[in-house]
PDB file of N, CA and C in Angstrom:
ATOM      1  N   MET A   1     116.335  98.358  85.818  1.00  0.00           N
ATOM      2  CA  MET A   1     115.027  98.736  85.348  1.00  0.00           C
ATOM      3  C   MET A   1     114.273  97.470  84.920  1.00  0.00           C
ATOM      4  N   GLU A   2     112.988  97.440  85.198  1.00  0.00           N
ATOM      5  CA  GLU A   2     112.165  96.298  84.838  1.00  0.00           C
ATOM      6  C   GLU A   2     111.945  96.268  83.330  1.00  0.00           C
ATOM      7  N   THR A   3     111.793  95.061  82.811  1.00  0.00           N
ATOM      8  CA  THR A   3     111.480  94.935  81.397  1.00  0.00           C
ATOM      9  C   THR A   3     110.011  94.561  81.250  1.00  0.00           C
ATOM     10  N   THR A   4     109.435  94.954  80.155  1.00  0.00           N
ATOM     11  CA  THR A   4     108.048  94.629  79.852  1.00  0.00           C
ATOM     12  C   THR A   4     108.056  93.613  78.728  1.00  0.00           C
ATOM     13  N   ASN A   5     107.551  92.411  79.005  1.00  0.00           N
ATOM     14  CA  ASN A   5     107.573  91.380  77.976  1.00  0.00           C
ATOM     15  C   ASN A   5     106.391  91.531  77.023  1.00  0.00           C
ATOM     16  N   GLN A   6     106.430  90.787  75.942  1.00  0.00           N
ATOM     17  CA  GLN A   6     105.418  90.916  74.897  1.00  0.00           C
ATOM     18  C   GLN A   6     104.022  90.576  75.398  1.00  0.00           C
ATOM     19  N   ALA A   7     103.900  89.595  76.319  1.00  0.00           N
ATOM     20  CA  ALA A   7     102.586  89.239  76.865  1.00  0.00           C
ATOM     21  C   ALA A   7     101.992  90.406  77.642  1.00  0.00           C
ATOM     22  N   ASN A   8     102.827  91.090  78.437  1.00  0.00           N
ATOM     23  CA  ASN A   8     102.346  92.252  79.179  1.00  0.00           C
ATOM     24  C   ASN A   8     101.922  93.372  78.235  1.00  0.00           C
ATOM     25  N   ILE A   9     102.701  93.592  77.201  1.00  0.00           N
ATOM     26  CA  ILE A   9     102.372  94.633  76.231  1.00  0.00           C
ATOM     27  C   ILE A   9     101.052  94.307  75.550  1.00  0.00           C
ATOM     28  N   SER A  10     100.830  93.046  75.223  1.00  0.00           N
ATOM     29  CA  SER A  10      99.570  92.637  74.595  1.00  0.00           C
ATOM     30  C   SER A  10      98.386  92.903  75.513  1.00  0.00           C
ATOM     31  N   GLN A  11      98.552  92.643  76.803  1.00  0.00           N
ATOM     32  CA  GLN A  11      97.483  92.905  77.763  1.00  0.00           C
ATOM     33  C   GLN A  11      97.206  94.401  77.885  1.00  0.00           C
ATOM     34  N   ILE A  12      98.262  95.186  77.929  1.00  0.00           N
ATOM     35  CA  ILE A  12      98.101  96.642  78.015  1.00  0.00           C
ATOM     36  C   ILE A  12      97.426  97.160  76.744  1.00  0.00           C
ATOM     37  N   LYS A  13      97.821  96.631  75.590  1.00  0.00           N
ATOM     38  CA  LYS A  13      97.207  97.044  74.317  1.00  0.00           C
ATOM     39  C   LYS A  13      95.724  96.702  74.300  1.00  0.00           C
ATOM     40  N   TYR A  14      95.357  95.549  74.851  1.00  0.00           N
ATOM     41  CA  TYR A  14      93.953  95.153  74.927  1.00  0.00           C
ATOM     42  C   TYR A  14      93.163  96.172  75.752  1.00  0.00           C
ATOM     43  N   VAL A  15      93.692  96.539  76.912  1.00  0.00           N
ATOM     44  CA  VAL A  15      93.016  97.528  77.766  1.00  0.00           C
ATOM     45  C   VAL A  15      92.903  98.860  77.026  1.00  0.00           C
ATOM     46  N   PHE A  16      93.981  99.287  76.374  1.00  0.00           N
ATOM     47  CA  PHE A  16      93.956 100.537  75.622  1.00  0.00           C
ATOM     48  C   PHE A  16      92.847 100.505  74.569  1.00  0.00           C
ATOM     49  N   ASN A  17      92.748  99.407  73.831  1.00  0.00           N
ATOM     50  CA  ASN A  17      91.732  99.289  72.780  1.00  0.00           C
ATOM     51  C   ASN A  17      90.317  99.278  73.350  1.00  0.00           C
ATOM     52  N   VAL A  18      90.133  98.672  74.506  1.00  0.00           N
ATOM     53  CA  VAL A  18      88.814  98.687  75.157  1.00  0.00           C
ATOM     54  C   VAL A  18      88.431 100.119  75.529  1.00  0.00           C
ATOM     55  N   LEU A  19      89.384 100.867  76.050  1.00  0.00           N
ATOM     56  CA  LEU A  19      89.106 102.253  76.446  1.00  0.00           C
ATOM     57  C   LEU A  19      88.925 103.176  75.245  1.00  0.00           C
ATOM     58  N   ASP A  20      89.623 102.890  74.161  1.00  0.00           N
ATOM     59  CA  ASP A  20      89.544 103.705  72.950  1.00  0.00           C
ATOM     60  C   ASP A  20      88.327 103.264  72.130  1.00  0.00           C
ATOM     61  N   VAL A  21      87.155 103.573  72.646  1.00  0.00           N
ATOM     62  CA  VAL A  21      85.906 103.079  72.055  1.00  0.00           C
ATOM     63  C   VAL A  21      85.678 103.592  70.639  1.00  0.00           C
ATOM     64  N   THR A  22      86.238 104.727  70.283  1.00  0.00           N
ATOM     65  CA  THR A  22      86.047 105.275  68.944  1.00  0.00           C
ATOM     66  C   THR A  22      87.095 104.783  67.952  1.00  0.00           C
ATOM     67  N   GLY A  23      88.168 104.140  68.451  1.00  0.00           N
ATOM     68  CA  GLY A  23      89.215 103.641  67.573  1.00  0.00           C
ATOM     69  C   GLY A  23      90.107 104.709  66.978  1.00  0.00           C
ATOM     70  N   ARG A  24      90.187 105.869  67.610  1.00  0.00           N
ATOM     71  CA  ARG A  24      91.000 106.983  67.103  1.00  0.00           C
ATOM     72  C   ARG A  24      92.492 106.767  67.288  1.00  0.00           C
ATOM     73  N   GLY A  25      92.869 105.885  68.244  1.00  0.00           N
ATOM     74  CA  GLY A  25      94.288 105.677  68.506  1.00  0.00           C
ATOM     75  C   GLY A  25      94.820 106.522  69.640  1.00  0.00           C
ATOM     76  N   TYR A  26      93.954 107.225  70.327  1.00  0.00           N
ATOM     77  CA  TYR A  26      94.342 107.988  71.508  1.00  0.00           C
ATOM     78  C   TYR A  26      93.177 108.026  72.487  1.00  0.00           C
ATOM     79  N   LEU A  27      93.502 108.252  73.752  1.00  0.00           N
ATOM     80  CA  LEU A  27      92.493 108.310  74.808  1.00  0.00           C
ATOM     81  C   LEU A  27      92.314 109.738  75.281  1.00  0.00           C
ATOM     82  N   THR A  28      91.073 110.107  75.495  1.00  0.00           N
ATOM     83  CA  THR A  28      90.760 111.434  76.026  1.00  0.00           C
ATOM     84  C   THR A  28      90.735 111.368  77.549  1.00  0.00           C
ATOM     85  N   ALA A  29      90.690 112.520  78.183  1.00  0.00           N
ATOM     86  CA  ALA A  29      90.607 112.580  79.641  1.00  0.00           C
ATOM     87  C   ALA A  29      89.346 111.887  80.137  1.00  0.00           C
ATOM     88  N   LYS A  30      88.270 112.021  79.396  1.00  0.00           N
ATOM     89  CA  LYS A  30      87.014 111.379  79.790  1.00  0.00           C
ATOM     90  C   LYS A  30      87.141 109.856  79.769  1.00  0.00           C
ATOM     91  N   GLU A  31      87.789 109.322  78.729  1.00  0.00           N
ATOM     92  CA  GLU A  31      87.980 107.875  78.629  1.00  0.00           C
ATOM     93  C   GLU A  31      88.883 107.361  79.756  1.00  0.00           C
ATOM     94  N   LEU A  32      89.956 108.096  80.042  1.00  0.00           N
ATOM     95  CA  LEU A  32      90.846 107.691  81.135  1.00  0.00           C
ATOM     96  C   LEU A  32      90.163 107.827  82.492  1.00  0.00           C
ATOM     97  N   SER A  33      89.315 108.825  82.634  1.00  0.00           N
ATOM     98  CA  SER A  33      88.573 109.018  83.876  1.00  0.00           C
ATOM     99  C   SER A  33      87.686 107.812  84.168  1.00  0.00           C
ATOM    100  N   PHE A  34      87.070 107.266  83.134  1.00  0.00           N
ATOM    101  CA  PHE A  34      86.241 106.075  83.275  1.00  0.00           C
ATOM    102  C   PHE A  34      87.054 104.921  83.852  1.00  0.00           C
ATOM    103  N   MET A  35      88.240 104.701  83.306  1.00  0.00           N
ATOM    104  CA  MET A  35      89.103 103.623  83.787  1.00  0.00           C
ATOM    105  C   MET A  35      89.522 103.858  85.228  1.00  0.00           C
ATOM    106  N   MET A  36      89.913 105.072  85.549  1.00  0.00           N
ATOM    107  CA  MET A  36      90.389 105.361  86.898  1.00  0.00           C
ATOM    108  C   MET A  36      89.276 105.195  87.929  1.00  0.00           C
ATOM    109  N   ARG A  37      88.060 105.598  87.585  1.00  0.00           N
ATOM    110  CA  ARG A  37      86.928 105.389  88.503  1.00  0.00           C
ATOM    111  C   ARG A  37      86.673 103.904  88.721  1.00  0.00           C
ATOM    112  N   ALA A  38      86.835 103.105  87.669  1.00  0.00           N
ATOM    113  CA  ALA A  38      86.642 101.653  87.789  1.00  0.00           C
ATOM    114  C   ALA A  38      87.639 101.038  88.767  1.00  0.00           C
ATOM    115  N   PHE A  39      88.815 101.658  88.903  1.00  0.00           N
ATOM    116  CA  PHE A  39      89.827 101.173  89.835  1.00  0.00           C
ATOM    117  C   PHE A  39      89.788 101.891  91.179  1.00  0.00           C
ATOM    118  N   GLY A  40      88.750 102.700  91.408  1.00  0.00           N
ATOM    119  CA  GLY A  40      88.559 103.321  92.713  1.00  0.00           C
ATOM    120  C   GLY A  40      89.186 104.687  92.902  1.00  0.00           C
ATOM    121  N   TYR A  41      89.724 105.276  91.834  1.00  0.00           N
ATOM    122  CA  TYR A  41      90.308 106.612  91.928  1.00  0.00           C
ATOM    123  C   TYR A  41      89.242 107.650  91.600  1.00  0.00           C
ATOM    124  N   ASP A  42      89.336 108.798  92.243  1.00  0.00           N
ATOM    125  CA  ASP A  42      88.345 109.842  92.045  1.00  0.00           C
ATOM    126  C   ASP A  42      89.000 111.116  91.521  1.00  0.00           C
ATOM    127  N   ASN A  43      89.803 110.987  90.477  1.00  0.00           N
ATOM    128  CA  ASN A  43      90.448 112.142  89.873  1.00  0.00           C
ATOM    129  C   ASN A  43      89.456 112.889  89.001  1.00  0.00           C
ATOM    130  N   SER A  44      89.583 114.197  88.988  1.00  0.00           N
ATOM    131  CA  SER A  44      88.726 114.991  88.114  1.00  0.00           C
ATOM    132  C   SER A  44      89.223 114.872  86.675  1.00  0.00           C
ATOM    133  N   VAL A  45      88.353 115.173  85.739  1.00  0.00           N
ATOM    134  CA  VAL A  45      88.729 115.166  84.329  1.00  0.00           C
ATOM    135  C   VAL A  45      89.859 116.168  84.092  1.00  0.00           C
ATOM    136  N   GLU A  46      89.838 117.283  84.821  1.00  0.00           N
ATOM    137  CA  GLU A  46      90.886 118.298  84.687  1.00  0.00           C
ATOM    138  C   GLU A  46      92.239 117.758  85.137  1.00  0.00           C
ATOM    139  N   GLU A  47      92.265 116.990  86.244  1.00  0.00           N
ATOM    140  CA  GLU A  47      93.518 116.397  86.716  1.00  0.00           C
ATOM    141  C   GLU A  47      94.057 115.399  85.704  1.00  0.00           C
ATOM    142  N   ILE A  48      93.176 114.620  85.147  1.00  0.00           N
ATOM    143  CA  ILE A  48      93.592 113.633  84.146  1.00  0.00           C
ATOM    144  C   ILE A  48      94.070 114.335  82.881  1.00  0.00           C
ATOM    145  N   GLN A  49      93.419 115.436  82.514  1.00  0.00           N
ATOM    146  CA  GLN A  49      93.866 116.201  81.355  1.00  0.00           C
ATOM    147  C   GLN A  49      95.267 116.751  81.594  1.00  0.00           C
ATOM    148  N   SER A  50      95.589 117.136  82.822  1.00  0.00           N
ATOM    149  CA  SER A  50      96.945 117.604  83.144  1.00  0.00           C
ATOM    150  C   SER A  50      97.971 116.505  82.922  1.00  0.00           C
ATOM    151  N   LEU A  51      97.617 115.271  83.302  1.00  0.00           N
ATOM    152  CA  LEU A  51      98.502 114.129  83.062  1.00  0.00           C
ATOM    153  C   LEU A  51      98.693 113.930  81.561  1.00  0.00           C
ATOM    154  N   ILE A  52      97.606 113.976  80.815  1.00  0.00           N
ATOM    155  CA  ILE A  52      97.685 113.810  79.358  1.00  0.00           C
ATOM    156  C   ILE A  52      98.565 114.901  78.759  1.00  0.00           C
ATOM    157  N   ASP A  53      98.372 116.136  79.187  1.00  0.00           N
ATOM    158  CA  ASP A  53      99.165 117.251  78.659  1.00  0.00           C
ATOM    159  C   ASP A  53     100.648 117.073  78.960  1.00  0.00           C
ATOM    160  N   ALA A  54     100.967 116.524  80.140  1.00  0.00           N
ATOM    161  CA  ALA A  54     102.370 116.314  80.515  1.00  0.00           C
ATOM    162  C   ALA A  54     103.017 115.228  79.661  1.00  0.00           C
ATOM    163  N   LEU A  55     102.262 114.198  79.326  1.00  0.00           N
ATOM    164  CA  LEU A  55     102.810 113.074  78.570  1.00  0.00           C
ATOM    165  C   LEU A  55     102.623 113.212  77.068  1.00  0.00           C
ATOM    166  N   SER A  56     101.610 113.936  76.651  1.00  0.00           N
ATOM    167  CA  SER A  56     101.257 114.041  75.233  1.00  0.00           C
ATOM    168  C   SER A  56     101.030 115.493  74.858  1.00  0.00           C
ATOM    169  N   PRO A  57     102.098 116.254  74.721  1.00  0.00           N
ATOM    170  CA  PRO A  57     101.941 117.682  74.466  1.00  0.00           C
ATOM    171  C   PRO A  57     101.222 118.041  73.169  1.00  0.00           C
ATOM    172  N   GLY A  58     100.968 117.071  72.298  1.00  0.00           N
ATOM    173  CA  GLY A  58     100.279 117.356  71.046  1.00  0.00           C
ATOM    174  C   GLY A  58      98.845 117.805  71.216  1.00  0.00           C
ATOM    175  N   GLY A  59      98.205 117.468  72.332  1.00  0.00           N
ATOM    176  CA  GLY A  59      96.886 117.970  72.631  1.00  0.00           C
ATOM    177  C   GLY A  59      95.705 117.080  72.281  1.00  0.00           C
ATOM    178  N   LEU A  60      95.865 116.094  71.409  1.00  0.00           N
ATOM    179  CA  LEU A  60      94.720 115.270  71.036  1.00  0.00           C
ATOM    180  C   LEU A  60      94.299 114.328  72.153  1.00  0.00           C
ATOM    181  N   GLY A  61      95.246 113.709  72.791  1.00  0.00           N
ATOM    182  CA  GLY A  61      94.977 112.730  73.830  1.00  0.00           C
ATOM    183  C   GLY A  61      96.211 111.885  74.048  1.00  0.00           C
ATOM    184  N   MET A  62      96.039 110.809  74.789  1.00  0.00           N
ATOM    185  CA  MET A  62      97.158 109.950  75.135  1.00  0.00           C
ATOM    186  C   MET A  62      97.224 108.772  74.165  1.00  0.00           C
ATOM    187  N   ASN A  63      98.342 108.675  73.421  1.00  0.00           N
ATOM    188  CA  ASN A  63      98.514 107.557  72.508  1.00  0.00           C
ATOM    189  C   ASN A  63      98.976 106.325  73.279  1.00  0.00           C
ATOM    190  N   PHE A  64      99.144 105.207  72.596  1.00  0.00           N
ATOM    191  CA  PHE A  64      99.482 103.954  73.270  1.00  0.00           C
ATOM    192  C   PHE A  64     100.834 104.014  73.983  1.00  0.00           C
ATOM    193  N   GLY A  65     101.830 104.586  73.344  1.00  0.00           N
ATOM    194  CA  GLY A  65     103.150 104.703  73.978  1.00  0.00           C
ATOM    195  C   GLY A  65     103.089 105.511  75.263  1.00  0.00           C
ATOM    196  N   ASN A  66     102.361 106.624  75.230  1.00  0.00           N
ATOM    197  CA  ASN A  66     102.220 107.450  76.429  1.00  0.00           C
ATOM    198  C   ASN A  66     101.368 106.763  77.489  1.00  0.00           C
ATOM    199  N   PHE A  67     100.397 105.972  77.071  1.00  0.00           N
ATOM    200  CA  PHE A  67      99.574 105.193  77.996  1.00  0.00           C
ATOM    201  C   PHE A  67     100.464 104.198  78.747  1.00  0.00           C
ATOM    202  N   CYS A  68     101.363 103.535  78.029  1.00  0.00           N
ATOM    203  CA  CYS A  68     102.306 102.615  78.675  1.00  0.00           C
ATOM    204  C   CYS A  68     103.213 103.359  79.653  1.00  0.00           C
ATOM    205  N   THR A  69     103.701 104.519  79.254  1.00  0.00           N
ATOM    206  CA  THR A  69     104.544 105.319  80.138  1.00  0.00           C
ATOM    207  C   THR A  69     103.799 105.650  81.427  1.00  0.00           C
ATOM    208  N   ALA A  70     102.544 106.049  81.306  1.00  0.00           N
ATOM    209  CA  ALA A  70     101.748 106.381  82.486  1.00  0.00           C
ATOM    210  C   ALA A  70     101.546 105.164  83.382  1.00  0.00           C
ATOM    211  N   LEU A  71     101.321 104.002  82.780  1.00  0.00           N
ATOM    212  CA  LEU A  71     101.119 102.790  83.578  1.00  0.00           C
ATOM    213  C   LEU A  71     102.390 102.339  84.267  1.00  0.00           C
ATOM    214  N   LEU A  72     103.541 102.608  83.668  1.00  0.00           N
ATOM    215  CA  LEU A  72     104.815 102.173  84.224  1.00  0.00           C
ATOM    216  C   LEU A  72     105.466 103.218  85.125  1.00  0.00           C
ATOM    217  N   TRP A  73     104.795 104.339  85.358  1.00  0.00           N
ATOM    218  CA  TRP A  73     105.332 105.412  86.178  1.00  0.00           C
ATOM    219  C   TRP A  73     105.597 104.915  87.582  1.00  0.00           C
ATOM    220  N   LYS A  74     106.745 105.310  88.131  1.00  0.00           N
ATOM    221  CA  LYS A  74     107.110 104.979  89.508  1.00  0.00           C
ATOM    222  C   LYS A  74     107.728 106.203  90.151  1.00  0.00           C
ATOM    223  N   PRO A  75     107.427 106.445  91.431  1.00  0.00           N
ATOM    224  CA  PRO A  75     108.110 107.559  92.102  1.00  0.00           C
ATOM    225  C   PRO A  75     109.575 107.221  92.312  1.00  0.00           C
ATOM    226  N   ASN A  76     110.424 108.198  92.175  1.00  0.00           N
ATOM    227  CA  ASN A  76     111.852 108.030  92.416  1.00  0.00           C
ATOM    228  C   ASN A  76     112.106 108.416  93.863  1.00  0.00           C
ATOM    229  N   THR A  77     111.988 107.475  94.769  1.00  0.00           N
ATOM    230  CA  THR A  77     112.067 107.769  96.194  1.00  0.00           C
ATOM    231  C   THR A  77     113.458 108.203  96.631  1.00  0.00           C
ATOM    232  N   ALA A  78     114.491 107.793  95.929  1.00  0.00           N
ATOM    233  CA  ALA A  78     115.854 108.155  96.317  1.00  0.00           C
ATOM    234  C   ALA A  78     116.070 109.662  96.231  1.00  0.00           C
ATOM    235  N   GLU A  79     115.491 110.281  95.236  1.00  0.00           N
ATOM    236  CA  GLU A  79     115.668 111.716  95.055  1.00  0.00           C
ATOM    237  C   GLU A  79     114.407 112.502  95.376  1.00  0.00           C
ATOM    238  N   ASN A  80     113.325 111.782  95.746  1.00  0.00           N
ATOM    239  CA  ASN A  80     112.039 112.405  96.054  1.00  0.00           C
ATOM    240  C   ASN A  80     111.531 113.262  94.900  1.00  0.00           C
ATOM    241  N   GLU A  81     111.788 112.783  93.683  1.00  0.00           N
ATOM    242  CA  GLU A  81     111.306 113.438  92.472  1.00  0.00           C
ATOM    243  C   GLU A  81     110.534 112.419  91.662  1.00  0.00           C
ATOM    244  N   ILE A  82     109.842 112.884  90.648  1.00  0.00           N
ATOM    245  CA  ILE A  82     109.095 111.978  89.788  1.00  0.00           C
ATOM    246  C   ILE A  82     110.064 111.310  88.824  1.00  0.00           C
ATOM    247  N   GLY A  83     109.917 109.998  88.684  1.00  0.00           N
ATOM    248  CA  GLY A  83     110.717 109.244  87.728  1.00  0.00           C
ATOM    249  C   GLY A  83     109.798 108.390  86.880  1.00  0.00           C
ATOM    250  N   TYR A  84     110.250 107.980  85.734  1.00  0.00           N
ATOM    251  CA  TYR A  84     109.435 107.166  84.846  1.00  0.00           C
ATOM    252  C   TYR A  84     110.180 105.893  84.499  1.00  0.00           C
ATOM    253  N   ALA A  85     109.435 104.794  84.445  1.00  0.00           N
ATOM    254  CA  ALA A  85     110.015 103.535  83.997  1.00  0.00           C
ATOM    255  C   ALA A  85     110.062 103.495  82.478  1.00  0.00           C
ATOM    256  N   GLY A  86     109.310 104.359  81.829  1.00  0.00           N
ATOM    257  CA  GLY A  86     109.294 104.442  80.370  1.00  0.00           C
ATOM    258  C   GLY A  86     109.799 105.797  79.922  1.00  0.00           C
ATOM    259  N   LYS A  87     109.575 106.100  78.663  1.00  0.00           N
ATOM    260  CA  LYS A  87     110.038 107.359  78.091  1.00  0.00           C
ATOM    261  C   LYS A  87     108.839 108.100  77.519  1.00  0.00           C
ATOM    262  N   SER A  88     108.745 109.377  77.793  1.00  0.00           N
ATOM    263  CA  SER A  88     107.677 110.181  77.230  1.00  0.00           C
ATOM    264  C   SER A  88     108.243 111.077  76.143  1.00  0.00           C
ATOM    265  N   ASP A  89     107.588 111.119  75.030  1.00  0.00           N
ATOM    266  CA  ASP A  89     107.969 112.046  73.978  1.00  0.00           C
ATOM    267  C   ASP A  89     106.736 112.394  73.167  1.00  0.00           C
ATOM    268  N   THR A  90     106.920 113.141  72.127  1.00  0.00           N
ATOM    269  CA  THR A  90     105.774 113.613  71.359  1.00  0.00           C
ATOM    270  C   THR A  90     105.543 112.795  70.100  1.00  0.00           C
ATOM    271  N   LYS A  91     106.180 111.642  69.976  1.00  0.00           N
ATOM    272  CA  LYS A  91     105.943 110.809  68.799  1.00  0.00           C
ATOM    273  C   LYS A  91     104.491 110.372  68.773  1.00  0.00           C
ATOM    274  N   ASP A  92     103.942 110.240  67.587  1.00  0.00           N
ATOM    275  CA  ASP A  92     102.525 109.971  67.428  1.00  0.00           C
ATOM    276  C   ASP A  92     102.099 108.577  67.838  1.00  0.00           C
ATOM    277  N   ASP A  93     102.825 107.553  67.439  1.00  0.00           N
ATOM    278  CA  ASP A  93     102.365 106.193  67.652  1.00  0.00           C
ATOM    279  C   ASP A  93     103.044 105.505  68.815  1.00  0.00           C
ATOM    280  N   HIS A  94     104.302 105.183  68.679  1.00  0.00           N
ATOM    281  CA  HIS A  94     104.979 104.390  69.681  1.00  0.00           C
ATOM    282  C   HIS A  94     106.388 104.948  69.874  1.00  0.00           C
ATOM    283  N   ASP A  95     106.902 104.795  71.091  1.00  0.00           N
ATOM    284  CA  ASP A  95     108.249 105.277  71.339  1.00  0.00           C
ATOM    285  C   ASP A  95     109.246 104.142  71.162  1.00  0.00           C
ATOM    286  N   GLU A  96     110.472 104.363  71.571  1.00  0.00           N
ATOM    287  CA  GLU A  96     111.534 103.399  71.325  1.00  0.00           C
ATOM    288  C   GLU A  96     111.346 102.086  72.085  1.00  0.00           C
ATOM    289  N   HIS A  97     110.403 102.015  73.011  1.00  0.00           N
ATOM    290  CA  HIS A  97     110.144 100.790  73.742  1.00  0.00           C
ATOM    291  C   HIS A  97     109.337  99.783  72.908  1.00  0.00           C
ATOM    292  N   ASN A  98     108.905 100.202  71.749  1.00  0.00           N
ATOM    293  CA  ASN A  98     108.174  99.355  70.810  1.00  0.00           C
ATOM    294  C   ASN A  98     106.909  98.773  71.425  1.00  0.00           C
ATOM    295  N   PHE A  99     106.062  99.623  71.946  1.00  0.00           N
ATOM    296  CA  PHE A  99     104.770  99.220  72.506  1.00  0.00           C
ATOM    297  C   PHE A  99     103.768  99.102  71.371  1.00  0.00           C
ATOM    298  N   SER A 100     103.896  98.084  70.540  1.00  0.00           N
ATOM    299  CA  SER A 100     102.990  97.945  69.407  1.00  0.00           C
ATOM    300  C   SER A 100     102.136  96.710  69.540  1.00  0.00           C
TER     301      SER A 100
END
């Protein structure tokens, strides 16, 4: 499994903070939609909300730990199932990967 070094985490945190314009500590589907459109993706807000719901069952939005999990997601081609390079859980701030 790949490791994420502190410099990469700092860059990801910077992007998260830019997207979190209100400073609430979580991203809404609308905020994530803005980022995805900037990268050429045309996902609906509803599709993005489904991703948020899958990673952040609490309902408020995607916290930083879940944002990292989403960015590190990789398909598991060996089993043709979805696999994650990170861990998703319902913790509020950060998971055991220490994305702080």
